[in-house]
Amino acid sequence: MTPSKIQTATQILPLENGDRLSRIEFERRYTTMPKLKKAELIEGIAYMGSPVRVRSHGEPHAVIMALLSVYWIATPGVSLLDNATVRLDLDNEPQPDALLRIKSGGQSIVSDDDYLEGAPELVVEIAASSAAYDLYAKKQVYRRNGVQEYIVWQVFDRKLDWFSLTEGEYVLLQPDDNGVVRSLVFPGLWLAVPLLLAGEMLNAIAILQLGLNSPEHAQFIELLANQLS
Protein backbone atom coordinates (compact mmCIF):
# COMPACT_ATOMS: atom_id res chain seq x y z
CA MET A 1 0.00 0.00 0.00
CA THR A 2 1.40 3.37 -0.99
CA PRO A 3 1.71 6.16 1.61
CA SER A 4 -1.01 8.17 -0.18
CA LYS A 5 -3.51 5.41 0.54
CA ILE A 6 -2.72 5.13 4.21
CA GLN A 7 -5.30 6.91 6.38
CA THR A 8 -3.50 8.97 8.96
CA ALA A 9 -4.77 9.58 12.45
CA THR A 10 -5.21 13.29 11.72
CA GLN A 11 -7.30 12.85 8.56
CA ILE A 12 -10.80 14.31 8.86
CA LEU A 13 -13.39 12.33 6.92
CA PRO A 14 -16.15 14.14 5.01
CA LEU A 15 -19.57 14.39 6.60
CA GLU A 16 -22.03 11.92 5.11
CA ASN A 17 -25.80 11.69 5.48
CA GLY A 18 -26.64 9.05 8.09
CA ASP A 19 -23.25 9.11 9.85
CA ARG A 20 -23.42 8.23 13.55
CA LEU A 21 -21.22 10.75 15.31
CA SER A 22 -20.55 12.54 18.55
CA ARG A 23 -21.30 16.26 18.49
CA ILE A 24 -17.58 17.06 18.62
CA GLU A 25 -16.83 14.87 15.59
CA PHE A 26 -19.88 16.24 13.77
CA GLU A 27 -18.56 19.78 14.19
CA ARG A 28 -15.04 18.76 13.12
CA ARG A 29 -16.34 17.36 9.85
CA TYR A 30 -18.88 20.12 9.27
CA THR A 31 -16.27 22.88 9.58
CA THR A 32 -14.10 21.28 6.86
CA MET A 33 -16.99 21.54 4.36
CA PRO A 34 -17.61 25.30 3.96
CA LYS A 35 -19.83 24.80 0.89
CA LEU A 36 -22.29 22.68 2.88
CA LYS A 37 -25.29 24.90 3.67
CA LYS A 38 -27.13 22.81 6.23
CA ALA A 39 -26.39 19.75 8.33
CA GLU A 40 -27.88 18.66 11.65
CA LEU A 41 -27.07 16.09 14.29
CA ILE A 42 -30.25 14.49 15.64
CA GLU A 43 -29.92 11.71 18.21
CA GLY A 44 -26.33 11.15 17.09
CA ILE A 45 -27.20 10.82 13.38
CA ALA A 46 -26.13 13.35 10.74
CA TYR A 47 -28.82 14.73 8.45
CA MET A 48 -27.73 16.80 5.47
CA GLY A 49 -30.18 19.15 3.80
CA SER A 50 -31.31 18.55 0.24
CA PRO A 51 -31.74 21.38 -2.31
CA VAL A 52 -34.46 23.79 -1.16
CA ARG A 53 -37.60 23.95 -3.30
CA VAL A 54 -39.60 27.16 -3.68
CA ARG A 55 -43.17 26.27 -2.68
CA SER A 56 -42.39 23.50 -0.19
CA HIS A 57 -39.79 25.46 1.77
CA GLY A 58 -38.42 28.72 0.41
CA GLU A 59 -41.66 30.72 0.38
CA PRO A 60 -43.07 29.37 3.69
CA HIS A 61 -39.72 30.07 5.33
CA ALA A 62 -39.84 33.65 4.07
CA VAL A 63 -43.40 34.06 5.40
CA ILE A 64 -42.45 32.84 8.89
CA MET A 65 -39.34 35.02 8.96
CA ALA A 66 -41.36 38.07 7.89
CA LEU A 67 -43.88 37.60 10.72
CA LEU A 68 -41.26 36.83 13.34
CA SER A 69 -39.22 39.82 12.18
CA VAL A 70 -42.13 42.15 12.92
CA TYR A 71 -42.36 40.72 16.43
CA TRP A 72 -38.57 40.86 16.94
CA ILE A 73 -38.31 44.50 15.87
CA ALA A 74 -41.13 45.45 18.24
CA THR A 75 -39.76 43.49 21.21
CA PRO A 76 -36.38 44.62 22.57
CA GLY A 77 -34.65 41.87 24.51
CA VAL A 78 -35.75 39.14 22.10
CA SER A 79 -33.43 37.66 19.47
CA LEU A 80 -34.53 36.17 16.13
CA LEU A 81 -32.21 33.73 14.37
CA ASP A 82 -32.45 32.17 10.91
CA ASN A 83 -30.88 28.73 10.38
CA ALA A 84 -28.52 29.08 13.33
CA THR A 85 -26.79 26.00 14.71
CA VAL A 86 -27.93 25.11 18.23
CA ARG A 87 -25.91 22.96 20.61
CA LEU A 88 -28.57 21.19 22.64
CA ASP A 89 -26.75 18.20 24.11
CA LEU A 90 -23.95 15.75 23.27
CA ASP A 91 -26.02 13.97 20.60
CA ASN A 92 -28.05 16.82 19.15
CA GLU A 93 -27.06 19.90 17.19
CA PRO A 94 -30.01 21.01 15.05
CA GLN A 95 -30.18 23.98 12.71
CA PRO A 96 -33.78 25.23 13.04
CA ASP A 97 -35.38 27.15 10.20
CA ALA A 98 -36.16 29.94 12.68
CA LEU A 99 -36.05 30.55 16.41
CA LEU A 100 -36.85 33.18 18.99
CA ARG A 101 -34.90 33.44 22.22
CA ILE A 102 -34.81 35.69 25.25
CA LYS A 103 -31.42 37.36 25.33
CA SER A 104 -31.01 37.96 29.05
CA GLY A 105 -32.41 35.51 31.57
CA GLY A 106 -33.47 33.02 28.91
CA GLN A 107 -32.54 29.38 28.45
CA SER A 108 -29.76 29.81 25.87
CA ILE A 109 -26.47 31.65 25.54
CA VAL A 110 -24.11 32.56 22.71
CA SER A 111 -20.85 30.67 23.17
CA ASP A 112 -17.37 32.15 22.85
CA ASP A 113 -17.09 30.58 19.38
CA ASP A 114 -20.42 32.16 18.34
CA TYR A 115 -22.79 29.18 18.52
CA LEU A 116 -26.07 29.04 20.39
CA GLU A 117 -25.95 26.72 23.40
CA GLY A 118 -29.05 25.58 25.28
CA ALA A 119 -32.70 25.52 24.32
CA PRO A 120 -34.20 28.61 22.67
CA GLU A 121 -37.69 29.42 23.90
CA LEU A 122 -39.36 28.96 20.49
CA VAL A 123 -38.33 26.94 17.44
CA VAL A 124 -39.98 26.89 14.00
CA GLU A 125 -39.46 24.19 11.38
CA ILE A 126 -40.84 24.08 7.83
CA ALA A 127 -41.79 20.50 6.94
CA ALA A 128 -43.02 19.24 3.59
CA SER A 129 -45.59 16.98 5.25
CA SER A 130 -46.54 15.23 8.48
CA ALA A 131 -44.16 12.42 7.52
CA ALA A 132 -41.11 14.66 8.06
CA TYR A 133 -38.72 13.86 10.90
CA ASP A 134 -39.45 17.31 12.34
CA LEU A 135 -42.59 15.76 13.90
CA TYR A 136 -40.86 12.69 15.25
CA ALA A 137 -37.18 12.48 16.24
CA LYS A 138 -36.59 16.21 16.19
CA LYS A 139 -39.77 16.96 18.11
CA GLN A 140 -38.68 14.59 20.87
CA VAL A 141 -35.24 16.19 21.00
CA TYR A 142 -36.73 19.66 21.40
CA ARG A 143 -39.16 18.43 24.06
CA ARG A 144 -36.47 16.66 26.06
CA ASN A 145 -34.17 19.68 25.99
CA GLY A 146 -36.86 22.10 27.14
CA VAL A 147 -37.77 24.11 24.03
CA GLN A 148 -40.87 25.83 25.39
CA GLU A 149 -42.78 26.21 22.13
CA TYR A 150 -42.36 24.37 18.83
CA ILE A 151 -44.07 25.31 15.56
CA VAL A 152 -44.15 22.89 12.62
CA TRP A 153 -45.61 24.11 9.33
CA GLN A 154 -46.56 21.09 7.20
CA VAL A 155 -46.73 22.74 3.80
CA PHE A 156 -48.26 19.98 1.64
CA ASP A 157 -50.84 19.18 4.32
CA ARG A 158 -51.72 22.89 4.68
CA LYS A 159 -51.41 22.58 8.43
CA LEU A 160 -49.53 24.39 11.18
CA ASP A 161 -49.07 22.81 14.61
CA TRP A 162 -47.98 24.94 17.56
CA PHE A 163 -46.84 22.88 20.53
CA SER A 164 -46.39 24.17 24.08
CA LEU A 165 -44.28 22.34 26.66
CA THR A 166 -46.55 21.48 29.59
CA GLU A 167 -45.34 19.26 32.44
CA GLY A 168 -42.63 17.79 30.22
CA GLU A 169 -44.90 17.02 27.25
CA TYR A 170 -45.89 18.92 24.14
CA VAL A 171 -49.56 19.87 23.88
CA LEU A 172 -51.16 21.71 20.97
CA LEU A 173 -52.05 25.35 21.51
CA GLN A 174 -55.61 25.85 20.39
CA PRO A 175 -56.62 28.77 18.15
CA ASP A 176 -59.43 31.13 19.05
CA ASP A 177 -62.64 31.37 17.01
CA ASN A 178 -60.79 33.40 14.35
CA GLY A 179 -58.01 30.86 13.99
CA VAL A 180 -55.48 32.97 15.91
CA VAL A 181 -52.92 31.16 18.04
CA ARG A 182 -51.27 33.15 20.82
CA SER A 183 -47.85 32.36 22.25
CA LEU A 184 -47.66 31.68 25.97
CA VAL A 185 -43.93 32.40 26.12
CA PHE A 186 -43.82 35.50 23.90
CA PRO A 187 -46.86 37.65 24.77
CA GLY A 188 -48.19 39.51 21.75
CA LEU A 189 -46.99 36.91 19.25
CA TRP A 190 -50.31 36.20 17.55
CA LEU A 191 -50.43 34.13 14.37
CA ALA A 192 -53.63 34.00 12.32
CA VAL A 193 -53.09 30.51 10.95
CA PRO A 194 -55.82 30.53 8.24
CA LEU A 195 -54.50 33.82 6.87
CA LEU A 196 -50.92 32.57 6.98
CA LEU A 197 -51.82 29.36 5.12
CA ALA A 198 -53.79 31.35 2.54
CA GLY A 199 -50.85 33.67 1.91
CA GLU A 200 -52.75 36.75 3.10
CA MET A 201 -49.69 38.37 4.61
CA LEU A 202 -51.01 41.91 5.05
CA ASN A 203 -53.99 40.64 7.03
CA ALA A 204 -51.78 38.25 9.03
CA ILE A 205 -49.47 41.14 9.93
CA ALA A 206 -52.49 43.24 10.93
CA ILE A 207 -53.51 40.52 13.41
CA LEU A 208 -49.95 40.33 14.72
CA GLN A 209 -50.01 44.11 15.19
CA LEU A 210 -53.06 43.72 17.44
CA GLY A 211 -50.96 41.43 19.60
CA LEU A 212 -48.13 43.93 19.68
CA ASN A 213 -50.58 46.60 20.84
CA SER A 214 -51.91 44.42 23.66
CA PRO A 215 -51.27 45.14 27.37
CA GLU A 216 -49.61 41.71 27.66
CA HIS A 217 -46.95 42.68 25.13
CA ALA A 218 -46.29 45.98 26.89
CA GLN A 219 -45.84 44.14 30.19
CA PHE A 220 -43.47 41.67 28.51
CA ILE A 221 -41.30 44.49 27.16
CA GLU A 222 -41.12 45.96 30.65
CA LEU A 223 -40.11 42.58 32.08
CA LEU A 224 -37.36 42.15 29.48
CA ALA A 225 -36.08 45.67 30.18
CA ASN A 226 -35.82 44.85 33.88
CA GLN A 227 -33.85 41.69 33.09
CA LEU A 228 -31.39 43.66 30.99
CA SER A 229 -30.86 46.37 33.60
C-alpha atoms as a PDB file:
ATOM      1  CA  MET A   1       0.000   0.000   0.000  1.00  0.00           C
ATOM      2  CA  THR A   2       1.405   3.370  -0.991  1.00  0.00           C
ATOM      3  CA  PRO A   3       1.706   6.157   1.608  1.00  0.00           C
ATOM      4  CA  SER A   4      -1.008   8.172  -0.179  1.00  0.00           C
ATOM      5  CA  LYS A   5      -3.511   5.414   0.536  1.00  0.00           C
ATOM      6  CA  ILE A   6      -2.717   5.131   4.210  1.00  0.00           C
ATOM      7  CA  GLN A   7      -5.305   6.911   6.378  1.00  0.00           C
ATOM      8  CA  THR A   8      -3.500   8.973   8.958  1.00  0.00           C
ATOM      9  CA  ALA A   9      -4.769   9.575  12.452  1.00  0.00           C
ATOM     10  CA  THR A  10      -5.213  13.288  11.720  1.00  0.00           C
ATOM     11  CA  GLN A  11      -7.300  12.851   8.562  1.00  0.00           C
ATOM     12  CA  ILE A  12     -10.804  14.312   8.858  1.00  0.00           C
ATOM     13  CA  LEU A  13     -13.389  12.335   6.916  1.00  0.00           C
ATOM     14  CA  PRO A  14     -16.150  14.138   5.014  1.00  0.00           C
ATOM     15  CA  LEU A  15     -19.568  14.386   6.599  1.00  0.00           C
ATOM     16  CA  GLU A  16     -22.035  11.919   5.114  1.00  0.00           C
ATOM     17  CA  ASN A  17     -25.797  11.695   5.476  1.00  0.00           C
ATOM     18  CA  GLY A  18     -26.636   9.051   8.092  1.00  0.00           C
ATOM     19  CA  ASP A  19     -23.249   9.107   9.854  1.00  0.00           C
ATOM     20  CA  ARG A  20     -23.424   8.229  13.547  1.00  0.00           C
ATOM     21  CA  LEU A  21     -21.216  10.748  15.312  1.00  0.00           C
ATOM     22  CA  SER A  22     -20.546  12.541  18.553  1.00  0.00           C
ATOM     23  CA  ARG A  23     -21.302  16.255  18.495  1.00  0.00           C
ATOM     24  CA  ILE A  24     -17.584  17.062  18.616  1.00  0.00           C
ATOM     25  CA  GLU A  25     -16.827  14.870  15.587  1.00  0.00           C
ATOM     26  CA  PHE A  26     -19.879  16.239  13.770  1.00  0.00           C
ATOM     27  CA  GLU A  27     -18.563  19.781  14.189  1.00  0.00           C
ATOM     28  CA  ARG A  28     -15.036  18.763  13.120  1.00  0.00           C
ATOM     29  CA  ARG A  29     -16.337  17.357   9.853  1.00  0.00           C
ATOM     30  CA  TYR A  30     -18.877  20.119   9.273  1.00  0.00           C
ATOM     31  CA  THR A  31     -16.273  22.876   9.579  1.00  0.00           C
ATOM     32  CA  THR A  32     -14.102  21.282   6.859  1.00  0.00           C
ATOM     33  CA  MET A  33     -16.991  21.542   4.357  1.00  0.00           C
ATOM     34  CA  PRO A  34     -17.611  25.305   3.957  1.00  0.00           C
ATOM     35  CA  LYS A  35     -19.834  24.803   0.885  1.00  0.00           C
ATOM     36  CA  LEU A  36     -22.291  22.682   2.880  1.00  0.00           C
ATOM     37  CA  LYS A  37     -25.287  24.903   3.666  1.00  0.00           C
ATOM     38  CA  LYS A  38     -27.129  22.813   6.232  1.00  0.00           C
ATOM     39  CA  ALA A  39     -26.391  19.753   8.334  1.00  0.00           C
ATOM     40  CA  GLU A  40     -27.877  18.657  11.647  1.00  0.00           C
ATOM     41  CA  LEU A  41     -27.072  16.086  14.295  1.00  0.00           C
ATOM     42  CA  ILE A  42     -30.248  14.490  15.640  1.00  0.00           C
ATOM     43  CA  GLU A  43     -29.916  11.712  18.213  1.00  0.00           C
ATOM     44  CA  GLY A  44     -26.332  11.146  17.091  1.00  0.00           C
ATOM     45  CA  ILE A  45     -27.204  10.818  13.382  1.00  0.00           C
ATOM     46  CA  ALA A  46     -26.130  13.348  10.742  1.00  0.00           C
ATOM     47  CA  TYR A  47     -28.821  14.735   8.450  1.00  0.00           C
ATOM     48  CA  MET A  48     -27.733  16.804   5.468  1.00  0.00           C
ATOM     49  CA  GLY A  49     -30.183  19.151   3.801  1.00  0.00           C
ATOM     50  CA  SER A  50     -31.312  18.549   0.237  1.00  0.00           C
ATOM     51  CA  PRO A  51     -31.740  21.382  -2.311  1.00  0.00           C
ATOM     52  CA  VAL A  52     -34.457  23.785  -1.157  1.00  0.00           C
ATOM     53  CA  ARG A  53     -37.596  23.950  -3.297  1.00  0.00           C
ATOM     54  CA  VAL A  54     -39.604  27.156  -3.680  1.00  0.00           C
ATOM     55  CA  ARG A  55     -43.174  26.269  -2.681  1.00  0.00           C
ATOM     56  CA  SER A  56     -42.387  23.503  -0.188  1.00  0.00           C
ATOM     57  CA  HIS A  57     -39.791  25.456   1.772  1.00  0.00           C
ATOM     58  CA  GLY A  58     -38.421  28.717   0.412  1.00  0.00           C
ATOM     59  CA  GLU A  59     -41.658  30.722   0.380  1.00  0.00           C
ATOM     60  CA  PRO A  60     -43.071  29.373   3.694  1.00  0.00           C
ATOM     61  CA  HIS A  61     -39.722  30.072   5.329  1.00  0.00           C
ATOM     62  CA  ALA A  62     -39.844  33.651   4.066  1.00  0.00           C
ATOM     63  CA  VAL A  63     -43.402  34.061   5.404  1.00  0.00           C
ATOM     64  CA  ILE A  64     -42.446  32.845   8.888  1.00  0.00           C
ATOM     65  CA  MET A  65     -39.338  35.024   8.959  1.00  0.00           C
ATOM     66  CA  ALA A  66     -41.360  38.074   7.890  1.00  0.00           C
ATOM     67  CA  LEU A  67     -43.881  37.604  10.715  1.00  0.00           C
ATOM     68  CA  LEU A  68     -41.261  36.828  13.343  1.00  0.00           C
ATOM     69  CA  SER A  69     -39.216  39.818  12.176  1.00  0.00           C
ATOM     70  CA  VAL A  70     -42.131  42.152  12.917  1.00  0.00           C
ATOM     71  CA  TYR A  71     -42.355  40.723  16.432  1.00  0.00           C
ATOM     72  CA  TRP A  72     -38.573  40.858  16.940  1.00  0.00           C
ATOM     73  CA  ILE A  73     -38.314  44.501  15.867  1.00  0.00           C
ATOM     74  CA  ALA A  74     -41.129  45.450  18.242  1.00  0.00           C
ATOM     75  CA  THR A  75     -39.760  43.494  21.212  1.00  0.00           C
ATOM     76  CA  PRO A  76     -36.375  44.625  22.574  1.00  0.00           C
ATOM     77  CA  GLY A  77     -34.653  41.867  24.510  1.00  0.00           C
ATOM     78  CA  VAL A  78     -35.752  39.139  22.099  1.00  0.00           C
ATOM     79  CA  SER A  79     -33.431  37.665  19.474  1.00  0.00           C
ATOM     80  CA  LEU A  80     -34.533  36.175  16.128  1.00  0.00           C
ATOM     81  CA  LEU A  81     -32.206  33.728  14.371  1.00  0.00           C
ATOM     82  CA  ASP A  82     -32.453  32.174  10.914  1.00  0.00           C
ATOM     83  CA  ASN A  83     -30.879  28.727  10.376  1.00  0.00           C
ATOM     84  CA  ALA A  84     -28.520  29.078  13.325  1.00  0.00           C
ATOM     85  CA  THR A  85     -26.786  25.999  14.710  1.00  0.00           C
ATOM     86  CA  VAL A  86     -27.931  25.111  18.233  1.00  0.00           C
ATOM     87  CA  ARG A  87     -25.909  22.960  20.611  1.00  0.00           C
ATOM     88  CA  LEU A  88     -28.570  21.190  22.642  1.00  0.00           C
ATOM     89  CA  ASP A  89     -26.751  18.196  24.113  1.00  0.00           C
ATOM     90  CA  LEU A  90     -23.951  15.749  23.270  1.00  0.00           C
ATOM     91  CA  ASP A  91     -26.024  13.972  20.599  1.00  0.00           C
ATOM     92  CA  ASN A  92     -28.053  16.824  19.152  1.00  0.00           C
ATOM     93  CA  GLU A  93     -27.063  19.901  17.185  1.00  0.00           C
ATOM     94  CA  PRO A  94     -30.012  21.009  15.046  1.00  0.00           C
ATOM     95  CA  GLN A  95     -30.183  23.978  12.713  1.00  0.00           C
ATOM     96  CA  PRO A  96     -33.778  25.232  13.041  1.00  0.00           C
ATOM     97  CA  ASP A  97     -35.381  27.154  10.203  1.00  0.00           C
ATOM     98  CA  ALA A  98     -36.161  29.945  12.675  1.00  0.00           C
ATOM     99  CA  LEU A  99     -36.053  30.554  16.407  1.00  0.00           C
ATOM    100  CA  LEU A 100     -36.854  33.184  18.994  1.00  0.00           C
ATOM    101  CA  ARG A 101     -34.901  33.443  22.223  1.00  0.00           C
ATOM    102  CA  ILE A 102     -34.814  35.691  25.253  1.00  0.00           C
ATOM    103  CA  LYS A 103     -31.417  37.363  25.325  1.00  0.00           C
ATOM    104  CA  SER A 104     -31.012  37.957  29.046  1.00  0.00           C
ATOM    105  CA  GLY A 105     -32.408  35.510  31.573  1.00  0.00           C
ATOM    106  CA  GLY A 106     -33.470  33.020  28.906  1.00  0.00           C
ATOM    107  CA  GLN A 107     -32.539  29.377  28.452  1.00  0.00           C
ATOM    108  CA  SER A 108     -29.761  29.808  25.872  1.00  0.00           C
ATOM    109  CA  ILE A 109     -26.468  31.649  25.541  1.00  0.00           C
ATOM    110  CA  VAL A 110     -24.113  32.558  22.711  1.00  0.00           C
ATOM    111  CA  SER A 111     -20.852  30.665  23.166  1.00  0.00           C
ATOM    112  CA  ASP A 112     -17.367  32.150  22.853  1.00  0.00           C
ATOM    113  CA  ASP A 113     -17.093  30.578  19.382  1.00  0.00           C
ATOM    114  CA  ASP A 114     -20.421  32.161  18.337  1.00  0.00           C
ATOM    115  CA  TYR A 115     -22.794  29.185  18.515  1.00  0.00           C
ATOM    116  CA  LEU A 116     -26.073  29.036  20.388  1.00  0.00           C
ATOM    117  CA  GLU A 117     -25.949  26.722  23.403  1.00  0.00           C
ATOM    118  CA  GLY A 118     -29.045  25.577  25.277  1.00  0.00           C
ATOM    119  CA  ALA A 119     -32.704  25.523  24.324  1.00  0.00           C
ATOM    120  CA  PRO A 120     -34.203  28.612  22.667  1.00  0.00           C
ATOM    121  CA  GLU A 121     -37.687  29.425  23.902  1.00  0.00           C
ATOM    122  CA  LEU A 122     -39.363  28.965  20.494  1.00  0.00           C
ATOM    123  CA  VAL A 123     -38.334  26.942  17.441  1.00  0.00           C
ATOM    124  CA  VAL A 124     -39.981  26.886  14.000  1.00  0.00           C
ATOM    125  CA  GLU A 125     -39.461  24.190  11.376  1.00  0.00           C
ATOM    126  CA  ILE A 126     -40.843  24.082   7.831  1.00  0.00           C
ATOM    127  CA  ALA A 127     -41.788  20.497   6.943  1.00  0.00           C
ATOM    128  CA  ALA A 128     -43.018  19.239   3.587  1.00  0.00           C
ATOM    129  CA  SER A 129     -45.594  16.983   5.253  1.00  0.00           C
ATOM    130  CA  SER A 130     -46.543  15.232   8.478  1.00  0.00           C
ATOM    131  CA  ALA A 131     -44.160  12.423   7.522  1.00  0.00           C
ATOM    132  CA  ALA A 132     -41.112  14.657   8.056  1.00  0.00           C
ATOM    133  CA  TYR A 133     -38.717  13.862  10.896  1.00  0.00           C
ATOM    134  CA  ASP A 134     -39.454  17.306  12.338  1.00  0.00           C
ATOM    135  CA  LEU A 135     -42.589  15.763  13.895  1.00  0.00           C
ATOM    136  CA  TYR A 136     -40.859  12.691  15.247  1.00  0.00           C
ATOM    137  CA  ALA A 137     -37.183  12.476  16.240  1.00  0.00           C
ATOM    138  CA  LYS A 138     -36.587  16.214  16.188  1.00  0.00           C
ATOM    139  CA  LYS A 139     -39.772  16.959  18.107  1.00  0.00           C
ATOM    140  CA  GLN A 140     -38.683  14.586  20.873  1.00  0.00           C
ATOM    141  CA  VAL A 141     -35.244  16.189  21.002  1.00  0.00           C
ATOM    142  CA  TYR A 142     -36.729  19.660  21.400  1.00  0.00           C
ATOM    143  CA  ARG A 143     -39.158  18.428  24.059  1.00  0.00           C
ATOM    144  CA  ARG A 144     -36.471  16.659  26.064  1.00  0.00           C
ATOM    145  CA  ASN A 145     -34.172  19.683  25.986  1.00  0.00           C
ATOM    146  CA  GLY A 146     -36.860  22.099  27.143  1.00  0.00           C
ATOM    147  CA  VAL A 147     -37.766  24.115  24.033  1.00  0.00           C
ATOM    148  CA  GLN A 148     -40.873  25.830  25.390  1.00  0.00           C
ATOM    149  CA  GLU A 149     -42.775  26.213  22.132  1.00  0.00           C
ATOM    150  CA  TYR A 150     -42.365  24.375  18.830  1.00  0.00           C
ATOM    151  CA  ILE A 151     -44.073  25.314  15.561  1.00  0.00           C
ATOM    152  CA  VAL A 152     -44.148  22.889  12.620  1.00  0.00           C
ATOM    153  CA  TRP A 153     -45.612  24.109   9.334  1.00  0.00           C
ATOM    154  CA  GLN A 154     -46.560  21.092   7.197  1.00  0.00           C
ATOM    155  CA  VAL A 155     -46.728  22.739   3.801  1.00  0.00           C
ATOM    156  CA  PHE A 156     -48.259  19.983   1.637  1.00  0.00           C
ATOM    157  CA  ASP A 157     -50.840  19.180   4.323  1.00  0.00           C
ATOM    158  CA  ARG A 158     -51.718  22.894   4.676  1.00  0.00           C
ATOM    159  CA  LYS A 159     -51.410  22.585   8.434  1.00  0.00           C
ATOM    160  CA  LEU A 160     -49.531  24.392  11.179  1.00  0.00           C
ATOM    161  CA  ASP A 161     -49.074  22.812  14.610  1.00  0.00           C
ATOM    162  CA  TRP A 162     -47.977  24.942  17.557  1.00  0.00           C
ATOM    163  CA  PHE A 163     -46.844  22.877  20.533  1.00  0.00           C
ATOM    164  CA  SER A 164     -46.389  24.174  24.083  1.00  0.00           C
ATOM    165  CA  LEU A 165     -44.276  22.341  26.663  1.00  0.00           C
ATOM    166  CA  THR A 166     -46.548  21.483  29.591  1.00  0.00           C
ATOM    167  CA  GLU A 167     -45.337  19.256  32.444  1.00  0.00           C
ATOM    168  CA  GLY A 168     -42.633  17.792  30.223  1.00  0.00           C
ATOM    169  CA  GLU A 169     -44.898  17.019  27.254  1.00  0.00           C
ATOM    170  CA  TYR A 170     -45.893  18.918  24.137  1.00  0.00           C
ATOM    171  CA  VAL A 171     -49.557  19.867  23.877  1.00  0.00           C
ATOM    172  CA  LEU A 172     -51.162  21.707  20.969  1.00  0.00           C
ATOM    173  CA  LEU A 173     -52.047  25.352  21.509  1.00  0.00           C
ATOM    174  CA  GLN A 174     -55.614  25.851  20.386  1.00  0.00           C
ATOM    175  CA  PRO A 175     -56.621  28.775  18.151  1.00  0.00           C
ATOM    176  CA  ASP A 176     -59.431  31.134  19.052  1.00  0.00           C
ATOM    177  CA  ASP A 177     -62.638  31.372  17.006  1.00  0.00           C
ATOM    178  CA  ASN A 178     -60.795  33.396  14.352  1.00  0.00           C
ATOM    179  CA  GLY A 179     -58.007  30.864  13.990  1.00  0.00           C
ATOM    180  CA  VAL A 180     -55.479  32.974  15.907  1.00  0.00           C
ATOM    181  CA  VAL A 181     -52.919  31.155  18.044  1.00  0.00           C
ATOM    182  CA  ARG A 182     -51.270  33.152  20.821  1.00  0.00           C
ATOM    183  CA  SER A 183     -47.854  32.359  22.248  1.00  0.00           C
ATOM    184  CA  LEU A 184     -47.657  31.681  25.969  1.00  0.00           C
ATOM    185  CA  VAL A 185     -43.926  32.404  26.123  1.00  0.00           C
ATOM    186  CA  PHE A 186     -43.819  35.505  23.897  1.00  0.00           C
ATOM    187  CA  PRO A 187     -46.857  37.646  24.767  1.00  0.00           C
ATOM    188  CA  GLY A 188     -48.186  39.510  21.753  1.00  0.00           C
ATOM    189  CA  LEU A 189     -46.986  36.911  19.252  1.00  0.00           C
ATOM    190  CA  TRP A 190     -50.306  36.197  17.553  1.00  0.00           C
ATOM    191  CA  LEU A 191     -50.432  34.129  14.366  1.00  0.00           C
ATOM    192  CA  ALA A 192     -53.634  33.995  12.325  1.00  0.00           C
ATOM    193  CA  VAL A 193     -53.090  30.512  10.949  1.00  0.00           C
ATOM    194  CA  PRO A 194     -55.817  30.525   8.242  1.00  0.00           C
ATOM    195  CA  LEU A 195     -54.501  33.821   6.875  1.00  0.00           C
ATOM    196  CA  LEU A 196     -50.924  32.568   6.977  1.00  0.00           C
ATOM    197  CA  LEU A 197     -51.817  29.357   5.119  1.00  0.00           C
ATOM    198  CA  ALA A 198     -53.787  31.352   2.544  1.00  0.00           C
ATOM    199  CA  GLY A 199     -50.851  33.671   1.912  1.00  0.00           C
ATOM    200  CA  GLU A 200     -52.753  36.750   3.099  1.00  0.00           C
ATOM    201  CA  MET A 201     -49.692  38.370   4.607  1.00  0.00           C
ATOM    202  CA  LEU A 202     -51.008  41.909   5.052  1.00  0.00           C
ATOM    203  CA  ASN A 203     -53.988  40.636   7.034  1.00  0.00           C
ATOM    204  CA  ALA A 204     -51.780  38.252   9.034  1.00  0.00           C
ATOM    205  CA  ILE A 205     -49.473  41.138   9.935  1.00  0.00           C
ATOM    206  CA  ALA A 206     -52.491  43.235  10.931  1.00  0.00           C
ATOM    207  CA  ILE A 207     -53.508  40.524  13.415  1.00  0.00           C
ATOM    208  CA  LEU A 208     -49.951  40.335  14.717  1.00  0.00           C
ATOM    209  CA  GLN A 209     -50.010  44.114  15.193  1.00  0.00           C
ATOM    210  CA  LEU A 210     -53.055  43.724  17.439  1.00  0.00           C
ATOM    211  CA  GLY A 211     -50.965  41.431  19.598  1.00  0.00           C
ATOM    212  CA  LEU A 212     -48.133  43.934  19.676  1.00  0.00           C
ATOM    213  CA  ASN A 213     -50.581  46.604  20.843  1.00  0.00           C
ATOM    214  CA  SER A 214     -51.907  44.415  23.664  1.00  0.00           C
ATOM    215  CA  PRO A 215     -51.270  45.138  27.369  1.00  0.00           C
ATOM    216  CA  GLU A 216     -49.615  41.715  27.663  1.00  0.00           C
ATOM    217  CA  HIS A 217     -46.952  42.678  25.131  1.00  0.00           C
ATOM    218  CA  ALA A 218     -46.294  45.982  26.894  1.00  0.00           C
ATOM    219  CA  GLN A 219     -45.841  44.141  30.185  1.00  0.00           C
ATOM    220  CA  PHE A 220     -43.466  41.666  28.510  1.00  0.00           C
ATOM    221  CA  ILE A 221     -41.300  44.489  27.158  1.00  0.00           C
ATOM    222  CA  GLU A 222     -41.119  45.963  30.653  1.00  0.00           C
ATOM    223  CA  LEU A 223     -40.111  42.576  32.077  1.00  0.00           C
ATOM    224  CA  LEU A 224     -37.364  42.154  29.482  1.00  0.00           C
ATOM    225  CA  ALA A 225     -36.077  45.670  30.178  1.00  0.00           C
ATOM    226  CA  ASN A 226     -35.816  44.855  33.883  1.00  0.00           C
ATOM    227  CA  GLN A 227     -33.854  41.690  33.095  1.00  0.00           C
ATOM    228  CA  LEU A 228     -31.393  43.662  30.990  1.00  0.00           C
ATOM    229  CA  SER A 229     -30.862  46.373  33.605  1.00  0.00           C
END
